[in-house]
Amino acid sequence: MIRSLVQFAEDDVRGVAGVAADGSTLRLRDVHGIRELALAAIGDGVPLAQAAEALAGEVIDLGGVRLLSPIDHEDPAHVLVSGTGLTHLGSAEGRDKMHRAANAPESLTDSMKMFLLGVEGGKPEAGLAGVQPEWFYKGDGGILAAPGEPLSMPDFAEDGGEEPEIAGIYMIDANGDPLRLGFALGNEFSDHVTERGNYLWLAHSKLRAAALGPELLLGELPADVRGESRILRNGEVVWEKPFLSGEANMSHSIANLEHHHFKYAGFRRPGDIHVHFFGTATLSFADGFSAEAGDVFEIEAEPFTLPVRNPLARAPRAPLVQVRAL
């Protein structure tokens, strides 16, 4: 039984492997990408796992190949990366501290109000829409760093901080209906100093790179996901903390987050891919830690067998952007 999929490149030839329940890794025959496999599964009217199992071949050692992000598109503009915040129990604490430090109000901050709305109405009964979450846009598929590649913060960034999260991976079918391919472990990556300056700068703080682990988990996400987020500097762990995800640890159901993303017709364009981060409650920034260029972010969690691991880099200084009339 194949439980997850991995894209890889071997001698510049792409392939897909299936990770079985016993941990063995099997090369899929005549498949060069997970999107290709998903399109075949849609055409045959079968689940993605079934399509993968039908093509399972010989055992492959993933240690001898280059691992890729678990989803991509020939045209990165057809991949939309977005996310939701304040969705996890406890996730309001760090955000509330940032905004109180900036504004020192005695009343509830807007972040805490948004969080409480989710606690009260983020898990509606089946078939009903609950309260809408906070939503943000990160970029197109060009922002996704492959496994091991640097997460590069712009030269104007004030911070480059990790956010250990689960992301849903989706494809829009020919009828305009969203299909969930699976889940990936990810590092949503944000500029928390910019956000702390004014919460209306949240949109700016999110226009950054992001990373996904190489593994696409098939089927449903376990209700209780537990993992570790750590930062290494010169090979030594300088910050580490456990994190929780899954609906048991969230103030919103995944179905509610999905509804409020895909309710917009513009997000249901046939053929498009969506990577949607579900949020987190664990940040090194909330503990007063500041990552530096060269540090390595490492995130791992069961049931994923492979970690998210990327070094932090800073892009070179760019000139002032000046627009000219045509």
Protein backbone atom coordinates (compact mmCIF):
# COMPACT_ATOMS: atom_id res chain seq x y z
CA MET A 1 0.00 0.00 0.00
CA ILE A 2 1.61 3.28 -1.12
CA ARG A 3 1.13 6.01 1.45
CA SER A 4 3.17 8.86 -0.06
CA LEU A 5 4.87 10.00 -3.26
CA VAL A 6 8.25 11.59 -3.94
CA GLN A 7 9.48 13.39 -7.08
CA PHE A 8 13.17 13.05 -7.89
CA ALA A 9 15.75 13.63 -10.61
CA GLU A 10 18.41 11.10 -11.56
CA ASP A 11 20.98 12.10 -14.18
CA ASP A 12 18.62 14.94 -15.17
CA VAL A 13 15.79 12.46 -15.78
CA ARG A 14 12.73 13.00 -13.60
CA GLY A 15 10.88 10.23 -11.85
CA VAL A 16 8.38 9.45 -9.11
CA ALA A 17 8.69 6.98 -6.27
CA GLY A 18 6.03 5.60 -3.97
CA VAL A 19 6.74 5.10 -0.27
CA ALA A 20 4.97 1.97 0.96
CA ALA A 21 3.53 1.42 4.42
CA ASP A 22 6.52 -0.80 5.32
CA GLY A 23 8.95 2.02 4.45
CA SER A 24 10.18 0.56 1.18
CA THR A 25 10.49 2.98 -1.75
CA LEU A 26 9.37 1.84 -5.19
CA ARG A 27 10.06 3.53 -8.52
CA LEU A 28 6.89 4.13 -10.56
CA ARG A 29 7.16 2.95 -14.16
CA ASP A 30 6.91 5.50 -16.99
CA VAL A 31 5.96 8.44 -14.73
CA HIS A 32 8.00 11.64 -14.69
CA GLY A 33 6.01 13.80 -12.27
CA ILE A 34 3.28 13.70 -9.65
CA ARG A 35 1.14 16.13 -11.66
CA GLU A 36 1.37 13.75 -14.63
CA LEU A 37 0.30 10.86 -12.39
CA ALA A 38 -2.60 12.92 -11.00
CA LEU A 39 -3.84 13.74 -14.49
CA ALA A 40 -3.77 10.02 -15.35
CA ALA A 41 -5.67 9.17 -12.15
CA ILE A 42 -8.32 11.77 -12.98
CA GLY A 43 -8.63 10.40 -16.51
CA ASP A 44 -9.03 6.84 -15.22
CA GLY A 45 -11.37 7.87 -12.42
CA VAL A 46 -9.27 6.23 -9.69
CA PRO A 47 -7.66 7.52 -6.46
CA LEU A 48 -4.09 8.78 -6.73
CA ALA A 49 -2.78 5.99 -4.48
CA GLN A 50 -4.40 3.35 -6.69
CA ALA A 51 -2.88 4.88 -9.81
CA ALA A 52 0.54 4.81 -8.13
CA GLU A 53 0.23 1.21 -6.95
CA ALA A 54 -0.60 0.04 -10.47
CA LEU A 55 2.76 1.41 -11.66
CA ALA A 56 4.97 0.35 -8.73
CA GLY A 57 8.20 -1.26 -9.88
CA GLU A 58 11.64 -1.95 -8.44
CA VAL A 59 13.01 -0.62 -5.17
CA ILE A 60 14.91 2.68 -5.42
CA ASP A 61 17.34 4.26 -2.95
CA LEU A 62 16.30 7.90 -2.53
CA GLY A 63 19.70 8.64 -1.06
CA GLY A 64 21.21 8.36 -4.51
CA VAL A 65 18.93 10.82 -6.33
CA ARG A 66 18.13 14.54 -6.16
CA LEU A 67 14.85 15.13 -4.37
CA LEU A 68 12.39 17.68 -5.79
CA SER A 69 9.40 19.54 -4.41
CA PRO A 70 6.38 17.22 -4.34
CA ILE A 71 4.44 19.31 -6.86
CA ASP A 72 5.30 21.62 -9.75
CA HIS A 73 4.11 22.77 -13.15
CA GLU A 74 5.91 23.49 -16.42
CA ASP A 75 4.65 27.07 -16.05
CA PRO A 76 5.14 28.23 -12.42
CA ALA A 77 2.46 30.89 -12.96
CA HIS A 78 -0.09 28.06 -12.79
CA VAL A 79 0.91 27.28 -9.19
CA LEU A 80 -0.62 29.54 -6.53
CA VAL A 81 0.93 29.50 -3.05
CA SER A 82 -1.21 30.86 -0.23
CA GLY A 83 -2.03 30.25 3.40
CA THR A 84 -4.09 30.91 6.49
CA GLY A 85 -3.02 32.15 9.89
CA LEU A 86 -4.37 32.04 13.45
CA THR A 87 -5.76 28.58 12.78
CA HIS A 88 -4.00 26.57 15.49
CA LEU A 89 -4.78 26.48 19.19
CA GLY A 90 -2.20 28.76 20.77
CA SER A 91 -1.30 30.44 17.48
CA ALA A 92 -2.66 33.79 18.63
CA GLU A 93 -0.20 34.10 21.51
CA GLY A 94 2.90 35.02 19.51
CA ARG A 95 0.99 37.25 17.10
CA ASP A 96 -0.78 38.99 19.99
CA LYS A 97 2.55 39.67 21.70
CA MET A 98 3.96 41.25 18.52
CA HIS A 99 0.99 43.53 18.04
CA ARG A 100 0.76 44.53 21.70
CA ALA A 101 4.45 45.39 21.67
CA ALA A 102 3.85 47.67 18.72
CA ASN A 103 0.65 49.29 19.93
CA ALA A 104 0.37 48.53 23.67
CA PRO A 105 -3.46 48.39 23.71
CA GLU A 106 -5.36 47.12 26.72
CA SER A 107 -8.22 45.69 24.68
CA LEU A 108 -8.09 42.57 22.49
CA THR A 109 -5.94 42.96 19.40
CA ASP A 110 -7.43 42.22 15.99
CA SER A 111 -5.33 39.06 15.89
CA MET A 112 -6.84 37.78 19.12
CA LYS A 113 -10.33 38.66 17.91
CA MET A 114 -9.71 36.72 14.68
CA PHE A 115 -8.37 33.76 16.62
CA LEU A 116 -11.40 33.67 18.92
CA LEU A 117 -13.73 33.80 15.92
CA GLY A 118 -12.06 30.63 14.71
CA VAL A 119 -12.34 28.93 18.09
CA GLU A 120 -16.05 29.71 18.16
CA GLY A 121 -16.95 29.01 14.52
CA GLY A 122 -14.05 27.39 12.67
CA LYS A 123 -15.31 23.82 12.87
CA PRO A 124 -18.87 23.83 11.52
CA GLU A 125 -21.04 20.76 11.04
CA ALA A 126 -20.52 18.85 7.81
CA GLY A 127 -22.05 20.63 4.85
CA LEU A 128 -21.97 24.05 6.48
CA ALA A 129 -19.52 26.93 6.13
CA GLY A 130 -17.90 28.22 9.28
CA VAL A 131 -16.25 31.55 9.98
CA GLN A 132 -13.67 32.57 7.38
CA PRO A 133 -10.00 32.56 8.47
CA GLU A 134 -7.24 35.05 7.88
CA TRP A 135 -5.87 34.50 4.35
CA PHE A 136 -2.67 35.57 2.61
CA TYR A 137 -0.92 35.19 -0.74
CA LYS A 138 2.73 34.17 -0.94
CA GLY A 139 3.48 33.91 -4.66
CA ASP A 140 3.45 31.52 -7.58
CA GLY A 141 5.36 28.28 -8.01
CA GLY A 142 8.61 30.16 -8.54
CA ILE A 143 8.90 30.88 -4.82
CA LEU A 144 9.07 27.21 -3.77
CA ALA A 145 12.57 26.15 -2.77
CA ALA A 146 13.38 22.53 -3.54
CA PRO A 147 14.64 20.24 -0.77
CA GLY A 148 18.05 21.43 0.36
CA GLU A 149 17.96 24.65 -1.65
CA PRO A 150 18.34 28.00 0.14
CA LEU A 151 15.36 29.94 1.42
CA SER A 152 16.39 33.37 0.24
CA MET A 153 15.07 36.49 1.95
CA PRO A 154 15.11 39.74 -0.06
CA ASP A 155 17.82 42.28 0.65
CA PHE A 156 15.15 44.62 2.11
CA ALA A 157 13.80 41.96 4.51
CA GLU A 158 14.12 42.67 8.22
CA ASP A 159 13.84 39.03 9.23
CA GLY A 160 13.76 35.54 7.78
CA GLY A 161 11.95 33.21 10.14
CA GLU A 162 10.68 29.65 9.85
CA GLU A 163 7.05 28.56 10.17
CA PRO A 164 6.63 24.77 10.46
CA GLU A 165 3.32 23.89 8.78
CA ILE A 166 1.28 21.38 6.87
CA ALA A 167 0.25 22.39 3.36
CA GLY A 168 -2.58 20.98 1.28
CA ILE A 169 -1.70 20.29 -2.37
CA TYR A 170 -4.54 20.66 -4.89
CA MET A 171 -5.28 20.41 -8.60
CA ILE A 172 -8.27 21.97 -10.35
CA ASP A 173 -9.91 19.49 -12.72
CA ALA A 174 -11.43 20.19 -16.14
CA ASN A 175 -14.80 20.98 -14.55
CA GLY A 176 -13.30 23.60 -12.23
CA ASP A 177 -13.54 21.40 -9.14
CA PRO A 178 -10.63 21.35 -6.65
CA LEU A 179 -9.12 17.92 -5.95
CA ARG A 180 -6.79 17.41 -3.02
CA LEU A 181 -3.75 15.39 -4.09
CA GLY A 182 -2.37 15.13 -0.58
CA PHE A 183 -0.45 16.94 2.13
CA ALA A 184 3.14 18.14 2.43
CA LEU A 185 5.27 19.17 5.37
CA GLY A 186 6.53 22.69 4.81
CA ASN A 187 8.31 25.81 5.97
CA GLU A 188 6.04 28.76 5.19
CA PHE A 189 8.82 31.30 6.01
CA SER A 190 7.97 34.92 6.83
CA ASP A 191 9.37 38.30 7.86
CA HIS A 192 8.12 38.63 11.43
CA VAL A 193 9.90 41.91 12.16
CA THR A 194 8.06 43.61 9.30
CA GLU A 195 4.76 42.18 10.52
CA ARG A 196 5.46 43.31 14.08
CA GLY A 197 5.93 46.88 12.85
CA ASN A 198 2.27 47.04 11.82
CA TYR A 199 -0.13 44.15 11.36
CA LEU A 200 -1.32 45.74 8.12
CA TRP A 201 2.12 44.83 6.77
CA LEU A 202 1.25 41.14 7.11
CA ALA A 203 0.77 40.93 3.33
CA HIS A 204 4.30 42.27 2.76
CA SER A 205 5.76 39.88 5.34
CA LYS A 206 4.31 36.88 3.52
CA LEU A 207 5.60 37.70 0.01
CA ARG A 208 8.59 35.46 0.55
CA ALA A 209 10.02 32.12 -0.45
CA ALA A 210 8.63 28.89 1.02
CA ALA A 211 9.75 25.28 1.09
CA LEU A 212 8.02 21.93 0.98
CA GLY A 213 9.42 18.62 2.09
CA PRO A 214 9.86 16.11 -0.74
CA GLU A 215 6.98 13.88 0.37
CA LEU A 216 3.32 14.07 -0.70
CA LEU A 217 1.25 12.25 1.91
CA LEU A 218 -1.80 10.60 0.34
CA GLY A 219 -5.22 10.17 1.90
CA GLU A 220 -6.39 12.03 4.99
CA LEU A 221 -4.12 13.95 7.37
CA PRO A 222 -3.97 12.41 10.87
CA ALA A 223 -5.93 14.44 13.41
CA ASP A 224 -2.87 14.77 15.67
CA VAL A 225 0.43 15.62 13.96
CA ARG A 226 3.48 16.10 16.21
CA GLY A 227 6.88 17.19 15.05
CA GLU A 228 10.06 19.11 15.79
CA SER A 229 11.26 22.41 14.38
CA ARG A 230 14.92 23.29 14.84
CA ILE A 231 17.59 25.69 13.62
CA LEU A 232 21.20 24.65 13.17
CA ARG A 233 24.19 27.02 13.07
CA ASN A 234 27.57 25.62 12.08
CA GLY A 235 26.14 22.15 12.52
CA GLU A 236 24.93 22.76 16.08
CA VAL A 237 21.29 23.06 17.19
CA VAL A 238 20.77 26.63 18.44
CA TRP A 239 16.97 26.54 18.74
CA GLU A 240 14.51 23.67 18.88
CA LYS A 241 10.87 23.24 19.81
CA PRO A 242 8.07 20.73 19.22
CA PHE A 243 5.09 21.78 17.12
CA LEU A 244 1.57 20.44 16.70
CA SER A 245 -0.78 20.33 13.74
CA GLY A 246 -3.75 18.32 12.55
CA GLU A 247 -7.37 19.13 13.29
CA ALA A 248 -7.13 18.04 16.94
CA ASN A 249 -4.75 20.97 17.45
CA MET A 250 -6.51 23.47 15.19
CA SER A 251 -9.31 25.98 15.69
CA HIS A 252 -10.52 25.46 12.11
CA SER A 253 -11.33 22.26 10.28
CA ILE A 254 -9.36 21.62 7.10
CA ALA A 255 -12.66 21.48 5.19
CA ASN A 256 -13.51 24.99 6.40
CA LEU A 257 -10.11 26.35 5.34
CA GLU A 258 -10.51 24.69 1.94
CA HIS A 259 -14.02 26.07 1.42
CA HIS A 260 -12.97 29.64 2.17
CA HIS A 261 -10.04 29.40 -0.24
CA PHE A 262 -11.80 27.73 -3.14
CA LYS A 263 -15.09 29.64 -2.80
CA TYR A 264 -13.47 32.25 -5.05
CA ALA A 265 -14.06 31.37 -8.71
CA GLY A 266 -10.64 32.71 -9.66
CA PHE A 267 -9.07 29.91 -7.61
CA ARG A 268 -10.93 27.21 -9.55
CA ARG A 269 -9.27 27.63 -12.95
CA PRO A 270 -8.90 24.20 -14.63
CA GLY A 271 -5.35 22.89 -14.65
CA ASP A 272 -4.01 25.12 -11.88
CA ILE A 273 -2.11 23.80 -8.86
CA HIS A 274 -2.62 25.23 -5.35
CA VAL A 275 -0.29 24.95 -2.37
CA HIS A 276 -2.17 26.15 0.71
CA PHE A 277 -0.44 26.38 4.10
CA PHE A 278 -2.66 25.70 7.12
CA GLY A 279 -0.81 27.72 9.78
CA THR A 280 1.27 27.06 12.89
CA ALA A 281 1.56 27.94 16.56
CA THR A 282 5.36 27.57 16.84
CA LEU A 283 7.93 30.21 15.85
CA SER A 284 11.52 30.76 16.94
CA PHE A 285 10.82 34.49 16.58
CA ALA A 286 8.22 34.28 19.36
CA ASP A 287 11.04 33.02 21.63
CA GLY A 288 13.21 36.01 20.76
CA PHE A 289 15.48 34.06 18.41
CA SER A 290 16.75 35.63 15.20
CA ALA A 291 17.97 33.37 12.40
CA GLU A 292 21.07 34.36 10.43
CA ALA A 293 22.16 33.71 6.86
CA GLY A 294 23.80 30.29 6.79
CA ASP A 295 21.54 28.84 9.48
CA VAL A 296 19.67 25.68 8.47
CA PHE A 297 15.97 25.19 9.15
CA GLU A 298 14.97 21.58 9.79
CA ILE A 299 11.37 20.44 10.26
CA GLU A 300 10.22 16.86 10.73
CA ALA A 301 6.99 15.21 11.80
CA GLU A 302 5.26 11.87 11.62
CA PRO A 303 3.71 10.49 9.47
CA PHE A 304 6.16 12.12 7.02
CA THR A 305 9.34 10.06 6.67
CA LEU A 306 11.47 12.83 5.11
CA PRO A 307 12.23 16.24 6.68
CA VAL A 308 12.08 19.77 5.30
CA ARG A 309 15.66 21.06 5.35
CA ASN A 310 16.81 24.37 3.85
CA PRO A 311 19.55 26.89 4.64
CA LEU A 312 18.75 30.59 5.04
CA ALA A 313 20.29 33.02 2.55
CA ARG A 314 19.98 36.75 1.85
CA ALA A 315 19.62 37.97 -1.71
CA PRO A 316 22.08 40.62 -2.93
CA ARG A 317 21.04 44.25 -2.78
CA ALA A 318 18.82 45.23 -5.69
CA PRO A 319 18.51 48.74 -7.18
CA LEU A 320 15.49 50.92 -6.60
CA VAL A 321 12.68 49.84 -8.91
CA GLN A 322 11.72 52.70 -11.17
CA VAL A 323 8.81 52.54 -13.57
CA ARG A 324 8.89 54.41 -16.86
CA ALA A 325 5.95 55.44 -18.97
CA LEU A 326 5.65 53.64 -22.27
